[in-house]
Every structure is written in C-alpha cells, then in structure tokens.
C-alpha cells in the first residue's frame, strides 16, 4: 500500500506517480508502513551502500508523490541534464569542504518553511562507517521536527517506513533506538554496512 502524504508535501503529478509505482511493481519492491500527514520531517534512509540506493529512493519518492528534498554532492549538479534532474527531484547541492554551519542553515530552512521533507543518509557515504553523522539529529532537535526512519531491505525487497520519532536531546539513547530499527536489514552491499553499530 502506498502511503498518503500531507497535502503540502505532494507533487500532485499523476504521471510520475504512475511511473514510480510501476517501477516498484515490476522490480518486486513493496512499501510498508505509513508516512504521517505532517508538513515537516527529516527522513533518514538506511542502509546506504550503493548508488542504487539513490535510484530506488528516487522511485519511492515519486511513487508516493512526495515533494522531498535531499542533499547531494555539488559535482553532480555541474552537468546540464543531470543538474536539471537533480533539482527536479529536490536536490540541494552540498560541497563537503564548506559544510561548516550547515546544520544551522538547514535548521533555519525548517523554521522558515511551512512544509519541508528532507531525506538523507545518516551514514553520509556508501563506504563502511564506524558511526553515523549527527547533523540530521541536531537539525531535527533544533528545529523541533520529527525523524522518519526509512529502511531499504534488499533481502526482502521491502521499503519500510518506521514509526515517526521525536528526538529527546539524549543523543546516545536516541541513536541506540534508531540504530536498532535497521539491525536485521539486508543492504545492497552487505560488506559496506556496519551492522555491529546497529
């Protein structure tokens, strides 16, 4: 079943929604869980071990008719055709060497906008990591918005939206809970996922 979004987060594009649903059906993927009908949230997508995660997530986004934003390497926005596609999908170019103050910048965006869905990977890279990055957590905490955990399970071919989560300010306790949600998920490239942290 395809979750229904808050009206302010909808693209209202029946053609792309049809394409997204068709892709998921043809490739055997199913969406489970719900997306709460609220205008602001951060969606954390785990695990991230392959470029195919972005492709899959893009089709999920249009299948649910979501007007979502995501952070992407600034180099991806240099090529004309790719640049237009990235912006259409909701991309926000980020140069890693100048990310200082980015948490505050995105916090202000959430405070000023009436609606905003920001999707990102807490791992921050396709490579195996020891710890998640904390930026998404502090953006949610400072802006007073919830976090929606989304799992990509390649073993079961399920995209799962977990229950919405509001950060408490106790980052260690909150991270332990969030990590536990992805404990049994099979990534595209298992060797690049640090399941021990979950």
C-alpha atoms as a PDB file:
ATOM      1  CA  UNK A   1       0.000   0.000   0.000  1.00  0.00           C
ATOM      2  CA  UNK A   2       1.314   3.446  -0.964  1.00  0.00           C
ATOM      3  CA  UNK A   3       1.342   5.878   1.997  1.00  0.00           C
ATOM      4  CA  UNK A   4      -0.533   9.169   1.661  1.00  0.00           C
ATOM      5  CA  UNK A   5       1.249  12.435   2.419  1.00  0.00           C
ATOM      6  CA  UNK A   6       0.303  15.772   3.906  1.00  0.00           C
ATOM      7  CA  UNK A   7      -1.138  17.893   1.065  1.00  0.00           C
ATOM      8  CA  UNK A   8       1.695  20.439   1.269  1.00  0.00           C
ATOM      9  CA  UNK A   9       4.274  17.719   0.522  1.00  0.00           C
ATOM     10  CA  UNK A  10       2.573  16.348  -2.590  1.00  0.00           C
ATOM     11  CA  UNK A  11       3.821  16.921  -6.135  1.00  0.00           C
ATOM     12  CA  UNK A  12       0.323  16.258  -7.498  1.00  0.00           C
ATOM     13  CA  UNK A  13       1.823  14.613 -10.574  1.00  0.00           C
ATOM     14  CA  UNK A  14      -0.183  11.552 -11.617  1.00  0.00           C
ATOM     15  CA  UNK A  15       2.185  10.636 -14.447  1.00  0.00           C
ATOM     16  CA  UNK A  16       5.352  10.402 -12.348  1.00  0.00           C
ATOM     17  CA  UNK A  17       3.416   8.713  -9.544  1.00  0.00           C
ATOM     18  CA  UNK A  18       2.280   6.051 -12.025  1.00  0.00           C
ATOM     19  CA  UNK A  19       5.867   5.608 -13.244  1.00  0.00           C
ATOM     20  CA  UNK A  20       7.154   5.260  -9.683  1.00  0.00           C
ATOM     21  CA  UNK A  21       4.516   2.699  -8.735  1.00  0.00           C
ATOM     22  CA  UNK A  22       5.096   0.767 -11.969  1.00  0.00           C
ATOM     23  CA  UNK A  23       8.851   0.608 -11.353  1.00  0.00           C
ATOM     24  CA  UNK A  24       8.388  -0.752  -7.836  1.00  0.00           C
ATOM     25  CA  UNK A  25       5.856  -3.326  -9.016  1.00  0.00           C
ATOM     26  CA  UNK A  26       7.986  -4.516 -11.945  1.00  0.00           C
ATOM     27  CA  UNK A  27      11.114  -4.808  -9.799  1.00  0.00           C
ATOM     28  CA  UNK A  28       9.244  -6.564  -6.983  1.00  0.00           C
ATOM     29  CA  UNK A  29       9.579  -3.913  -4.274  1.00  0.00           C
ATOM     30  CA  UNK A  30       6.885  -3.231  -1.683  1.00  0.00           C
ATOM     31  CA  UNK A  31       6.341  -0.251   0.598  1.00  0.00           C
ATOM     32  CA  UNK A  32       5.186  -0.916   4.154  1.00  0.00           C
ATOM     33  CA  UNK A  33       4.433   1.466   6.991  1.00  0.00           C
ATOM     34  CA  UNK A  34       2.972   4.944   6.919  1.00  0.00           C
ATOM     35  CA  UNK A  35       4.164   8.487   6.337  1.00  0.00           C
ATOM     36  CA  UNK A  36       2.450  10.710   8.903  1.00  0.00           C
ATOM     37  CA  UNK A  37       0.383  13.556   7.466  1.00  0.00           C
ATOM     38  CA  UNK A  38       2.553  16.321   8.870  1.00  0.00           C
ATOM     39  CA  UNK A  39       4.196  19.158   6.894  1.00  0.00           C
ATOM     40  CA  UNK A  40       7.767  18.890   8.218  1.00  0.00           C
ATOM     41  CA  UNK A  41      10.099  15.946   8.841  1.00  0.00           C
ATOM     42  CA  UNK A  42      13.555  14.519   8.254  1.00  0.00           C
ATOM     43  CA  UNK A  43      13.587  11.105   6.577  1.00  0.00           C
ATOM     44  CA  UNK A  44      16.688   9.040   7.367  1.00  0.00           C
ATOM     45  CA  UNK A  45      17.396   6.346   4.775  1.00  0.00           C
ATOM     46  CA  UNK A  46      19.402   3.311   5.920  1.00  0.00           C
ATOM     47  CA  UNK A  47      21.467   1.474   4.854  1.00  0.00           C
ATOM     48  CA  UNK A  48      23.412   3.368   2.165  1.00  0.00           C
ATOM     49  CA  UNK A  49      25.962   1.100   0.484  1.00  0.00           C
ATOM     50  CA  UNK A  50      25.340   1.617  -3.243  1.00  0.00           C
ATOM     51  CA  UNK A  51      24.405   4.207  -5.865  1.00  0.00           C
ATOM     52  CA  UNK A  52      21.328   2.049  -6.460  1.00  0.00           C
ATOM     53  CA  UNK A  53      20.010   3.252  -3.099  1.00  0.00           C
ATOM     54  CA  UNK A  54      19.551   6.707  -4.629  1.00  0.00           C
ATOM     55  CA  UNK A  55      17.791   5.278  -7.691  1.00  0.00           C
ATOM     56  CA  UNK A  56      15.449   3.208  -5.536  1.00  0.00           C
ATOM     57  CA  UNK A  57      14.749   6.112  -3.194  1.00  0.00           C
ATOM     58  CA  UNK A  58      14.006   8.410  -6.145  1.00  0.00           C
ATOM     59  CA  UNK A  59      11.384   5.971  -7.443  1.00  0.00           C
ATOM     60  CA  UNK A  60       9.912   5.618  -3.948  1.00  0.00           C
ATOM     61  CA  UNK A  61       9.684   9.407  -3.730  1.00  0.00           C
ATOM     62  CA  UNK A  62       7.743   9.776  -6.974  1.00  0.00           C
ATOM     63  CA  UNK A  63       5.641   6.683  -6.225  1.00  0.00           C
ATOM     64  CA  UNK A  64       4.343   8.307  -3.031  1.00  0.00           C
ATOM     65  CA  UNK A  65       4.089  11.656  -4.889  1.00  0.00           C
ATOM     66  CA  UNK A  66       6.493  13.296  -2.442  1.00  0.00           C
ATOM     67  CA  UNK A  67       7.917  16.765  -2.917  1.00  0.00           C
ATOM     68  CA  UNK A  68      11.040  15.883  -0.955  1.00  0.00           C
ATOM     69  CA  UNK A  69      14.485  17.463  -0.748  1.00  0.00           C
ATOM     70  CA  UNK A  70      17.833  15.737  -0.386  1.00  0.00           C
ATOM     71  CA  UNK A  71      21.496  16.683  -0.096  1.00  0.00           C
ATOM     72  CA  UNK A  72      23.784  15.793  -2.999  1.00  0.00           C
ATOM     73  CA  UNK A  73      27.432  16.249  -3.945  1.00  0.00           C
ATOM     74  CA  UNK A  74      27.844  19.612  -5.673  1.00  0.00           C
ATOM     75  CA  UNK A  75      29.719  17.907  -8.530  1.00  0.00           C
ATOM     76  CA  UNK A  76      26.517  16.127  -9.579  1.00  0.00           C
ATOM     77  CA  UNK A  77      24.949  19.494 -10.335  1.00  0.00           C
ATOM     78  CA  UNK A  78      27.607  20.536 -12.862  1.00  0.00           C
ATOM     79  CA  UNK A  79      26.298  18.550 -15.823  1.00  0.00           C
ATOM     80  CA  UNK A  80      23.269  20.216 -17.540  1.00  0.00           C
ATOM     81  CA  UNK A  81      20.932  17.214 -17.938  1.00  0.00           C
ATOM     82  CA  UNK A  82      21.822  15.672 -14.572  1.00  0.00           C
ATOM     83  CA  UNK A  83      21.606  19.078 -12.888  1.00  0.00           C
ATOM     84  CA  UNK A  84      18.026  19.649 -14.053  1.00  0.00           C
ATOM     85  CA  UNK A  85      17.041  16.129 -12.976  1.00  0.00           C
ATOM     86  CA  UNK A  86      18.646  16.583  -9.560  1.00  0.00           C
ATOM     87  CA  UNK A  87      16.868  19.887  -8.954  1.00  0.00           C
ATOM     88  CA  UNK A  88      13.562  18.420 -10.170  1.00  0.00           C
ATOM     89  CA  UNK A  89      13.956  15.544  -7.719  1.00  0.00           C
ATOM     90  CA  UNK A  90      14.558  18.070  -4.924  1.00  0.00           C
ATOM     91  CA  UNK A  91      18.342  18.081  -4.735  1.00  0.00           C
ATOM     92  CA  UNK A  92      20.278  20.622  -2.682  1.00  0.00           C
ATOM     93  CA  UNK A  93      23.961  20.824  -3.764  1.00  0.00           C
ATOM     94  CA  UNK A  94      26.481  20.489  -0.935  1.00  0.00           C
ATOM     95  CA  UNK A  95      30.237  20.998  -1.083  1.00  0.00           C
ATOM     96  CA  UNK A  96      31.708  18.829   1.649  1.00  0.00           C
ATOM     97  CA  UNK A  97      34.683  21.130   2.217  1.00  0.00           C
ATOM     98  CA  UNK A  98      32.352  24.021   3.115  1.00  0.00           C
ATOM     99  CA  UNK A  99      29.768  22.263   5.277  1.00  0.00           C
ATOM    100  CA  UNK A 100      30.550  24.319   8.371  1.00  0.00           C
ATOM    101  CA  UNK A 101      27.341  25.859   9.666  1.00  0.00           C
ATOM    102  CA  UNK A 102      25.159  23.618   7.510  1.00  0.00           C
ATOM    103  CA  UNK A 103      23.169  22.370  10.499  1.00  0.00           C
ATOM    104  CA  UNK A 104      22.183  25.927  11.410  1.00  0.00           C
ATOM    105  CA  UNK A 105      21.389  26.743   7.773  1.00  0.00           C
ATOM    106  CA  UNK A 106      19.026  23.777   7.402  1.00  0.00           C
ATOM    107  CA  UNK A 107      17.521  24.426  10.826  1.00  0.00           C
ATOM    108  CA  UNK A 108      16.584  27.924   9.652  1.00  0.00           C
ATOM    109  CA  UNK A 109      15.119  26.498   6.440  1.00  0.00           C
ATOM    110  CA  UNK A 110      12.827  24.276   8.505  1.00  0.00           C
ATOM    111  CA  UNK A 111      11.807  27.167  10.730  1.00  0.00           C
ATOM    112  CA  UNK A 112      11.022  29.480   7.808  1.00  0.00           C
ATOM    113  CA  UNK A 113       9.269  26.995   5.530  1.00  0.00           C
ATOM    114  CA  UNK A 114       5.659  25.959   6.086  1.00  0.00           C
ATOM    115  CA  UNK A 115       6.453  22.499   4.778  1.00  0.00           C
ATOM    116  CA  UNK A 116       9.674  20.594   4.143  1.00  0.00           C
ATOM    117  CA  UNK A 117      10.596  16.928   3.848  1.00  0.00           C
ATOM    118  CA  UNK A 118      14.363  16.416   3.901  1.00  0.00           C
ATOM    119  CA  UNK A 119      15.657  12.933   3.070  1.00  0.00           C
ATOM    120  CA  UNK A 120      19.241  11.960   3.835  1.00  0.00           C
ATOM    121  CA  UNK A 121      21.583   9.153   4.775  1.00  0.00           C
ATOM    122  CA  UNK A 122      22.959   9.374   8.330  1.00  0.00           C
ATOM    123  CA  UNK A 123      25.913   7.273   7.161  1.00  0.00           C
ATOM    124  CA  UNK A 124      26.878  10.078   4.793  1.00  0.00           C
ATOM    125  CA  UNK A 125      28.704   7.771   2.375  1.00  0.00           C
ATOM    126  CA  UNK A 126      28.456   4.389   0.650  1.00  0.00           C
ATOM    127  CA  UNK A 127      31.589   3.225   2.465  1.00  0.00           C
ATOM    128  CA  UNK A 128      31.517   1.343   5.740  1.00  0.00           C
ATOM    129  CA  UNK A 129      31.418   3.766   8.671  1.00  0.00           C
ATOM    130  CA  UNK A 130      32.020   3.380  12.387  1.00  0.00           C
ATOM    131  CA  UNK A 131      29.385   5.924  13.398  1.00  0.00           C
ATOM    132  CA  UNK A 132      26.501   7.835  11.884  1.00  0.00           C
ATOM    133  CA  UNK A 133      26.876  11.544  11.275  1.00  0.00           C
ATOM    134  CA  UNK A 134      24.944  13.604  13.803  1.00  0.00           C
ATOM    135  CA  UNK A 135      23.855  16.556  11.653  1.00  0.00           C
ATOM    136  CA  UNK A 136      20.357  15.256  10.915  1.00  0.00           C
ATOM    137  CA  UNK A 137      19.732  14.720  14.624  1.00  0.00           C
ATOM    138  CA  UNK A 138      20.676  18.247  15.640  1.00  0.00           C
ATOM    139  CA  UNK A 139      18.688  19.774  12.782  1.00  0.00           C
ATOM    140  CA  UNK A 140      15.606  17.881  13.984  1.00  0.00           C
ATOM    141  CA  UNK A 141      16.279  18.785  17.615  1.00  0.00           C
ATOM    142  CA  UNK A 142      16.906  22.499  16.984  1.00  0.00           C
ATOM    143  CA  UNK A 143      14.023  22.895  14.541  1.00  0.00           C
ATOM    144  CA  UNK A 144      11.643  20.864  16.713  1.00  0.00           C
ATOM    145  CA  UNK A 145      10.722  18.429  13.945  1.00  0.00           C
ATOM    146  CA  UNK A 146      10.398  14.631  13.955  1.00  0.00           C
ATOM    147  CA  UNK A 147      12.520  11.988  12.255  1.00  0.00           C
ATOM    148  CA  UNK A 148      11.004   9.343   9.969  1.00  0.00           C
ATOM    149  CA  UNK A 149      13.254   6.242   9.712  1.00  0.00           C
ATOM    150  CA  UNK A 150      13.130   4.508   6.309  1.00  0.00           C
ATOM    151  CA  UNK A 151      14.766   1.117   5.719  1.00  0.00           C
ATOM    152  CA  UNK A 152      15.888  -0.315   2.370  1.00  0.00           C
ATOM    153  CA  UNK A 153      15.836  -4.090   2.757  1.00  0.00           C
ATOM    154  CA  UNK A 154      17.259  -5.703  -0.394  1.00  0.00           C
ATOM    155  CA  UNK A 155      16.838  -9.178   1.072  1.00  0.00           C
ATOM    156  CA  UNK A 156      13.051  -8.912   1.413  1.00  0.00           C
ATOM    157  CA  UNK A 157      12.657  -6.182  -1.242  1.00  0.00           C
ATOM    158  CA  UNK A 158      10.801  -4.034   1.258  1.00  0.00           C
ATOM    159  CA  UNK A 159      10.956  -0.293   1.796  1.00  0.00           C
ATOM    160  CA  UNK A 160       9.796   0.205   5.355  1.00  0.00           C
ATOM    161  CA  UNK A 161       8.711   3.452   6.967  1.00  0.00           C
ATOM    162  CA  UNK A 162       9.076   3.041  10.717  1.00  0.00           C
ATOM    163  CA  UNK A 163       7.125   4.970  13.317  1.00  0.00           C
ATOM    164  CA  UNK A 164       7.874   8.688  13.459  1.00  0.00           C
ATOM    165  CA  UNK A 165      10.397   9.604  16.149  1.00  0.00           C
ATOM    166  CA  UNK A 166      10.880  12.833  18.099  1.00  0.00           C
ATOM    167  CA  UNK A 167      14.439  13.393  19.369  1.00  0.00           C
ATOM    168  CA  UNK A 168      14.658  13.787  23.138  1.00  0.00           C
ATOM    169  CA  UNK A 169      18.031  15.511  23.382  1.00  0.00           C
ATOM    170  CA  UNK A 170      19.691  12.363  24.738  1.00  0.00           C
ATOM    171  CA  UNK A 171      21.628  11.533  21.577  1.00  0.00           C
ATOM    172  CA  UNK A 172      23.163   8.287  22.837  1.00  0.00           C
ATOM    173  CA  UNK A 173      19.814   6.842  23.857  1.00  0.00           C
ATOM    174  CA  UNK A 174      18.069   8.112  20.722  1.00  0.00           C
ATOM    175  CA  UNK A 175      20.776   6.778  18.394  1.00  0.00           C
ATOM    176  CA  UNK A 176      20.666   3.381  20.102  1.00  0.00           C
ATOM    177  CA  UNK A 177      16.938   3.219  19.387  1.00  0.00           C
ATOM    178  CA  UNK A 178      17.218   4.418  15.783  1.00  0.00           C
ATOM    179  CA  UNK A 179      20.094   2.053  15.017  1.00  0.00           C
ATOM    180  CA  UNK A 180      18.110  -0.888  16.398  1.00  0.00           C
ATOM    181  CA  UNK A 181      15.462  -0.361  13.720  1.00  0.00           C
ATOM    182  CA  UNK A 182      17.927  -1.373  10.990  1.00  0.00           C
ATOM    183  CA  UNK A 183      19.501  -4.305  12.805  1.00  0.00           C
ATOM    184  CA  UNK A 184      18.048  -7.022  10.560  1.00  0.00           C
ATOM    185  CA  UNK A 185      18.015  -5.113   7.267  1.00  0.00           C
ATOM    186  CA  UNK A 186      19.937  -6.524   4.276  1.00  0.00           C
ATOM    187  CA  UNK A 187      21.782  -3.799   2.315  1.00  0.00           C
ATOM    188  CA  UNK A 188      22.681  -3.864  -1.377  1.00  0.00           C
ATOM    189  CA  UNK A 189      26.343  -4.426  -0.458  1.00  0.00           C
ATOM    190  CA  UNK A 190      26.441  -6.131   2.973  1.00  0.00           C
ATOM    191  CA  UNK A 191      30.203  -5.745   3.310  1.00  0.00           C
ATOM    192  CA  UNK A 192      29.854  -1.967   3.349  1.00  0.00           C
ATOM    193  CA  UNK A 193      27.272  -1.838   6.130  1.00  0.00           C
ATOM    194  CA  UNK A 194      28.437  -1.725   9.733  1.00  0.00           C
ATOM    195  CA  UNK A 195      25.700  -3.874  11.238  1.00  0.00           C
ATOM    196  CA  UNK A 196      27.582  -4.032  14.551  1.00  0.00           C
ATOM    197  CA  UNK A 197      26.665  -0.422  15.286  1.00  0.00           C
ATOM    198  CA  UNK A 198      23.026  -1.437  14.931  1.00  0.00           C
END
